[in-house]
Amino acid sequence: MLELHELHVFLVAAETQNFSETGRILQISQPAVSSHIQALEQRLKTQLFDRAGRNIKLNDVGEALVPMARNLLKEAQQIEEFIALRRGMVIGRLTIGCSTAVGKYLLPRLMARFMESNPSVRITCDVGPRARALDRLCAGEIDLALSSLRVPRRAVEYKHFADDLLILIAPPGHSWAGRSSITCTDLLEHPIILREPGSGTSITLNRELGQHDMSVDMLQTRLVLGNTESIVQAVTEGIGPAFVSRMAAEPVLQRGQAAEIPVEGLCPVQRLYMARHTEFYASEVQTAFWAFTFAPQNVDLRPVVG
């Protein structure tokens, strides 16, 4: 008889391809991970990983087992959720993919309020690039995703979740820091730090600059970074000004490590969306969290500009 816990360990190991990392994620020792994998292989009478010293790699049998193991664990979770719902409870696990800024500054407040009413729910945030979150959503590996763009994906439903205002911040000693505001053409005078092309921040800023017959390509580039928090840190180190999420910038603004510089006529708002896949089974906890997120009583947790 298969053990569900062994299958869970196997799925994490299949994703990480590293028993030590699997142990860290599951908060068990590396020998315990090896023991669970070996026990599963003995039950199935076949190897699931190719081993070469400390290196492991999922073999063909292991790769074929991954979707079946994932489905089996989901069905077991559905049974638990069904019984719990009959008792008036919402239980289960929920995995949400999100970007760094949203994951750190916005989503935790929503999760905390939800878990106050549903203490048996366990939520995991997979923080990373937008493309990764949507890829995992379409593969059925996560339940929900937060995205700064409505990227066309088959059977993916997007719903406006919140707005993230982009603001210009600069080091306290920068020449812009002492001004009450600057104009859009002033942006051409000094090199600034930018997000990578294709990011939600870059697309939003470019769209807003277009209203003034400008584009991101016209700006002088001091540095390009692919992470909002890295950009905020670079500003505080005096490298230069940058457009960043207000949510991400708020802590350094409060500490006086950076100054907000209003830009006349410029109000770049990045719309944020919650996404779900409509062709996969929606667990009770996923359905409950979606409804909770967009409930009128929780609108205070979802900032909207305008």
Protein backbone atom coordinates (compact mmCIF):
# COMPACT_ATOMS: atom_id res chain seq x y z
CA MET A 1 0.00 0.00 0.00
CA LEU A 2 1.39 3.40 -0.98
CA GLU A 3 2.06 5.95 1.76
CA LEU A 4 0.82 9.44 0.93
CA HIS A 5 3.64 11.10 2.88
CA GLU A 6 6.23 9.22 0.82
CA LEU A 7 4.56 10.46 -2.36
CA HIS A 8 4.65 14.02 -1.02
CA VAL A 9 8.38 13.73 -0.29
CA PHE A 10 8.89 12.24 -3.75
CA LEU A 11 7.11 15.16 -5.47
CA VAL A 12 9.23 17.75 -3.67
CA ALA A 13 12.39 15.79 -4.47
CA ALA A 14 11.29 15.49 -8.10
CA GLU A 15 11.02 19.28 -8.30
CA THR A 16 14.26 20.13 -6.49
CA GLN A 17 16.38 17.21 -7.78
CA ASN A 18 18.21 17.58 -4.47
CA PHE A 19 17.54 15.61 -1.28
CA SER A 20 19.14 18.25 0.97
CA GLU A 21 16.95 21.01 -0.49
CA THR A 22 13.94 18.71 -0.18
CA GLY A 23 14.71 18.24 3.50
CA ARG A 24 15.02 21.99 3.99
CA ILE A 25 11.64 22.62 2.36
CA LEU A 26 9.91 19.84 4.31
CA GLN A 27 11.86 20.60 7.51
CA ILE A 28 13.18 17.06 7.83
CA SER A 29 16.73 15.72 7.63
CA GLN A 30 18.39 14.68 4.38
CA PRO A 31 18.70 11.04 5.61
CA ALA A 32 14.96 11.06 6.32
CA VAL A 33 14.31 12.19 2.74
CA SER A 34 16.52 9.39 1.42
CA SER A 35 14.73 6.90 3.65
CA HIS A 36 11.29 7.93 2.37
CA ILE A 37 12.42 7.75 -1.26
CA GLN A 38 14.03 4.34 -0.76
CA ALA A 39 10.88 3.05 0.97
CA LEU A 40 8.75 4.22 -1.96
CA GLU A 41 11.13 2.63 -4.46
CA GLN A 42 10.97 -0.64 -2.52
CA ARG A 43 7.16 -0.58 -2.55
CA LEU A 44 7.14 0.01 -6.29
CA LYS A 45 10.09 -2.34 -6.89
CA THR A 46 11.80 0.17 -9.16
CA GLN A 47 14.18 3.11 -8.95
CA LEU A 48 12.75 6.58 -9.43
CA PHE A 49 16.01 8.54 -9.43
CA ASP A 50 19.38 7.96 -11.06
CA ARG A 51 22.11 8.53 -8.50
CA ALA A 52 25.72 9.53 -9.12
CA GLY A 53 27.41 10.31 -5.82
CA ARG A 54 25.48 13.17 -4.23
CA ASN A 55 23.79 14.07 -7.51
CA ILE A 56 20.32 12.75 -8.29
CA LYS A 57 18.20 12.96 -11.41
CA LEU A 58 14.63 11.85 -11.98
CA ASN A 59 14.60 8.88 -14.38
CA ASP A 60 11.92 7.99 -16.93
CA VAL A 61 9.86 6.01 -14.44
CA GLY A 62 10.05 8.83 -11.92
CA GLU A 63 8.96 11.39 -14.49
CA ALA A 64 5.96 9.23 -15.42
CA LEU A 65 5.04 8.89 -11.74
CA VAL A 66 4.98 12.66 -11.03
CA PRO A 67 1.56 13.51 -12.55
CA MET A 68 -0.04 10.36 -11.10
CA ALA A 69 1.35 11.06 -7.63
CA ARG A 70 0.19 14.68 -7.85
CA ASN A 71 -3.33 13.58 -8.81
CA LEU A 72 -3.44 10.98 -6.04
CA LEU A 73 -2.46 13.53 -3.40
CA LYS A 74 -5.05 15.97 -4.72
CA GLU A 75 -7.75 13.31 -4.50
CA ALA A 76 -6.74 12.53 -0.92
CA GLN A 77 -6.91 16.24 -0.12
CA GLN A 78 -10.36 16.44 -1.70
CA ILE A 79 -11.60 13.68 0.60
CA GLU A 80 -10.32 15.52 3.67
CA GLU A 81 -11.82 18.80 2.48
CA PHE A 82 -15.19 17.18 1.73
CA ILE A 83 -15.45 15.67 5.21
CA ALA A 84 -14.30 18.91 6.85
CA LEU A 85 -16.84 20.92 4.88
CA ARG A 86 -19.60 18.64 6.15
CA ARG A 87 -18.47 19.64 9.63
CA GLY A 88 -18.56 23.33 8.73
CA MET A 89 -14.79 23.72 8.39
CA VAL A 90 -12.44 24.75 5.60
CA ILE A 91 -9.16 22.83 5.66
CA GLY A 92 -6.39 22.04 3.23
CA ARG A 93 -3.34 23.53 1.60
CA LEU A 94 -3.21 26.45 -0.79
CA THR A 95 -0.24 27.46 -2.92
CA ILE A 96 -0.11 30.93 -4.46
CA GLY A 97 2.46 32.12 -6.98
CA CYS A 98 3.29 35.82 -6.83
CA SER A 99 5.84 38.50 -7.51
CA THR A 100 8.19 39.73 -4.80
CA ALA A 101 6.51 43.08 -4.09
CA VAL A 102 3.00 41.65 -3.98
CA GLY A 103 4.10 38.61 -2.02
CA LYS A 104 5.85 40.60 0.68
CA TYR A 105 3.79 43.75 1.02
CA LEU A 106 0.21 42.97 0.05
CA LEU A 107 -0.69 39.29 0.14
CA PRO A 108 0.34 38.52 3.77
CA ARG A 109 -2.36 40.81 5.20
CA LEU A 110 -5.01 39.05 3.15
CA MET A 111 -3.72 35.61 4.12
CA ALA A 112 -3.59 36.53 7.79
CA ARG A 113 -7.22 37.65 7.85
CA PHE A 114 -8.32 34.54 5.95
CA MET A 115 -6.45 32.23 8.32
CA GLU A 116 -8.00 33.91 11.36
CA SER A 117 -11.33 32.48 10.21
CA ASN A 118 -9.83 29.27 8.83
CA PRO A 119 -7.03 28.22 11.20
CA SER A 120 -6.73 24.73 9.69
CA VAL A 121 -5.68 26.09 6.29
CA ARG A 122 -2.00 26.09 5.38
CA ILE A 123 -0.85 28.54 2.70
CA THR A 124 2.42 28.53 0.76
CA CYS A 125 3.61 31.54 -1.25
CA ASP A 126 5.85 30.72 -4.19
CA VAL A 127 7.58 34.07 -4.74
CA GLY A 128 9.23 34.54 -8.12
CA PRO A 129 8.90 35.93 -11.64
CA ARG A 130 5.47 36.39 -13.20
CA ALA A 131 6.16 33.88 -15.99
CA ARG A 132 7.06 31.17 -13.50
CA ALA A 133 3.86 31.69 -11.53
CA LEU A 134 1.72 31.43 -14.65
CA ASP A 135 3.63 28.40 -15.93
CA ARG A 136 3.07 26.60 -12.63
CA LEU A 137 -0.59 27.60 -12.62
CA CYS A 138 -1.08 26.12 -16.09
CA ALA A 139 0.75 22.95 -15.04
CA GLY A 140 -1.54 22.50 -12.03
CA GLU A 141 1.37 22.89 -9.60
CA ILE A 142 -0.13 25.90 -7.78
CA ASP A 143 -3.71 26.92 -7.05
CA LEU A 144 -3.68 30.65 -7.74
CA ALA A 145 -1.32 33.25 -9.17
CA LEU A 146 -0.93 37.00 -8.85
CA SER A 147 0.20 38.73 -12.02
CA SER A 148 0.90 42.32 -13.03
CA LEU A 149 -0.21 41.52 -16.59
CA ARG A 150 -3.10 39.63 -18.16
CA VAL A 151 -0.96 37.23 -20.18
CA PRO A 152 -3.18 35.19 -22.53
CA ARG A 153 -3.12 31.59 -21.35
CA ARG A 154 -5.59 28.86 -22.21
CA ALA A 155 -8.34 28.47 -19.59
CA VAL A 156 -6.77 31.05 -17.24
CA GLU A 157 -9.24 33.51 -15.69
CA TYR A 158 -7.94 36.87 -14.47
CA LYS A 159 -9.70 39.16 -12.02
CA HIS A 160 -8.55 42.66 -11.04
CA PHE A 161 -7.08 42.26 -7.57
CA ALA A 162 -5.47 45.57 -6.62
CA ASP A 163 -3.43 48.49 -7.95
CA ASP A 164 0.23 49.22 -7.33
CA LEU A 165 1.29 52.85 -7.83
CA LEU A 166 4.79 53.30 -9.21
CA ILE A 167 6.66 56.27 -7.75
CA LEU A 168 10.01 57.87 -8.44
CA ILE A 169 12.43 57.71 -5.52
CA ALA A 170 15.95 59.08 -5.27
CA PRO A 171 18.83 59.04 -2.78
CA PRO A 172 18.54 61.87 -0.23
CA GLY A 173 21.59 63.62 -1.68
CA HIS A 174 20.38 63.57 -5.28
CA SER A 175 19.64 66.93 -6.94
CA TRP A 176 16.00 65.92 -7.44
CA ALA A 177 15.53 65.17 -3.73
CA GLY A 178 15.26 68.84 -2.79
CA ARG A 179 12.63 69.69 -5.39
CA SER A 180 8.88 69.68 -4.82
CA SER A 181 8.40 68.06 -8.24
CA ILE A 182 10.01 67.53 -11.63
CA THR A 183 8.66 67.40 -15.17
CA CYS A 184 8.70 64.43 -17.51
CA THR A 185 11.42 66.04 -19.60
CA ASP A 186 13.54 66.40 -16.45
CA LEU A 187 13.70 62.59 -16.43
CA LEU A 188 16.04 62.80 -19.42
CA GLU A 189 18.68 64.73 -17.45
CA HIS A 190 19.94 62.04 -15.06
CA PRO A 191 20.60 58.30 -15.45
CA ILE A 192 18.12 56.15 -13.52
CA ILE A 193 17.82 52.53 -12.42
CA LEU A 194 15.35 50.48 -14.46
CA ARG A 195 13.63 47.10 -14.35
CA GLU A 196 14.32 44.69 -17.19
CA PRO A 197 12.31 45.04 -20.44
CA GLY A 198 9.12 42.98 -20.35
CA SER A 199 8.61 43.38 -16.61
CA GLY A 200 5.28 44.73 -15.39
CA THR A 201 7.04 47.82 -14.04
CA SER A 202 8.75 48.55 -17.36
CA ILE A 203 5.58 48.03 -19.39
CA THR A 204 3.49 50.23 -17.06
CA LEU A 205 6.07 53.03 -17.02
CA ASN A 206 6.46 52.90 -20.79
CA ARG A 207 2.68 53.12 -21.27
CA GLU A 208 2.44 56.15 -18.99
CA LEU A 209 5.42 57.90 -20.63
CA GLY A 210 3.72 57.36 -23.97
CA GLN A 211 1.04 59.83 -22.87
CA HIS A 212 3.81 62.44 -22.95
CA ASP A 213 5.37 61.34 -26.26
CA MET A 214 8.19 59.63 -24.40
CA SER A 215 9.34 56.05 -23.82
CA VAL A 216 11.56 54.11 -21.46
CA ASP A 217 14.13 53.80 -24.25
CA MET A 218 14.64 57.57 -24.11
CA LEU A 219 15.76 57.47 -20.47
CA GLN A 220 19.43 57.30 -19.52
CA THR A 221 20.12 53.93 -17.89
CA ARG A 222 22.41 53.77 -14.88
CA LEU A 223 21.64 50.15 -13.99
CA VAL A 224 19.13 47.42 -14.89
CA LEU A 225 17.95 45.05 -12.15
CA GLY A 226 15.35 42.29 -12.23
CA ASN A 227 14.12 42.60 -8.67
CA THR A 228 12.18 45.45 -7.02
CA GLU A 229 13.84 45.11 -3.64
CA SER A 230 17.30 45.14 -5.26
CA ILE A 231 16.39 48.40 -6.98
CA VAL A 232 15.20 49.96 -3.72
CA GLN A 233 18.46 48.91 -2.09
CA ALA A 234 20.46 50.38 -4.98
CA VAL A 235 18.67 53.70 -4.52
CA THR A 236 19.47 53.78 -0.80
CA GLU A 237 23.12 53.08 -1.67
CA GLY A 238 23.17 56.25 -3.73
CA ILE A 239 23.45 54.65 -7.17
CA GLY A 240 20.59 56.69 -8.59
CA PRO A 241 16.84 57.29 -8.75
CA ALA A 242 14.30 54.70 -9.88
CA PHE A 243 10.60 54.05 -10.41
CA VAL A 244 9.44 51.38 -7.96
CA SER A 245 6.32 50.07 -6.27
CA ARG A 246 5.10 52.41 -3.53
CA MET A 247 4.52 49.34 -1.34
CA ALA A 248 8.16 48.34 -1.72
CA ALA A 249 9.46 51.88 -1.23
CA GLU A 250 7.41 52.78 1.84
CA PRO A 251 9.86 51.39 4.46
CA VAL A 252 12.89 53.32 3.12
CA LEU A 253 10.81 56.48 2.67
CA GLN A 254 9.72 56.31 6.30
CA ARG A 255 13.32 55.85 7.45
CA GLY A 256 14.53 58.78 5.34
CA GLN A 257 16.81 56.56 3.24
CA ALA A 258 15.18 57.78 0.04
CA ALA A 259 13.00 60.68 -1.08
CA GLU A 260 9.85 60.51 -3.19
CA ILE A 261 9.98 62.78 -6.24
CA PRO A 262 6.57 63.68 -7.75
CA VAL A 263 6.63 63.83 -11.56
CA GLU A 264 4.13 66.31 -12.98
CA GLY A 265 1.42 64.61 -15.03
CA LEU A 266 2.83 61.15 -14.44
CA CYS A 267 0.84 58.55 -12.48
CA PRO A 268 1.92 55.05 -13.55
CA VAL A 269 -0.47 52.53 -12.02
CA GLN A 270 0.28 48.84 -12.31
CA ARG A 271 -2.88 46.75 -12.18
CA LEU A 272 -2.57 43.46 -10.34
CA TYR A 273 -4.65 40.41 -11.12
CA MET A 274 -5.47 37.17 -9.36
CA ALA A 275 -5.57 34.24 -11.74
CA ARG A 276 -6.99 30.73 -11.58
CA HIS A 277 -7.14 27.85 -14.04
CA THR A 278 -10.73 27.03 -14.93
CA GLU A 279 -10.13 23.50 -16.21
CA PHE A 280 -8.53 22.10 -13.06
CA TYR A 281 -10.41 20.95 -9.98
CA ALA A 282 -10.89 23.87 -7.60
CA SER A 283 -10.40 22.69 -4.03
CA GLU A 284 -12.67 23.94 -1.27
CA VAL A 285 -9.88 26.06 0.19
CA GLN A 286 -9.07 27.57 -3.22
CA THR A 287 -12.72 28.43 -3.81
CA ALA A 288 -13.04 29.86 -0.31
CA PHE A 289 -9.91 32.01 -0.64
CA TRP A 290 -10.99 33.39 -4.02
CA ALA A 291 -14.41 34.36 -2.65
CA PHE A 292 -12.81 35.81 0.50
CA THR A 293 -10.35 37.89 -1.51
CA PHE A 294 -13.06 39.64 -3.50
CA ALA A 295 -15.60 39.91 -0.70
CA PRO A 296 -16.74 43.52 -0.01
CA GLN A 297 -15.60 43.36 3.62
CA ASN A 298 -12.00 42.83 2.51
CA VAL A 299 -11.74 45.70 0.08
CA ASP A 300 -9.50 47.54 2.56
CA LEU A 301 -6.80 44.93 1.90
CA ARG A 302 -6.84 45.53 -1.86
CA PRO A 303 -5.67 49.08 -2.65
CA VAL A 304 -7.19 50.52 -5.81
CA VAL A 305 -6.01 53.77 -7.40
CA GLY A 306 -8.71 56.07 -8.82
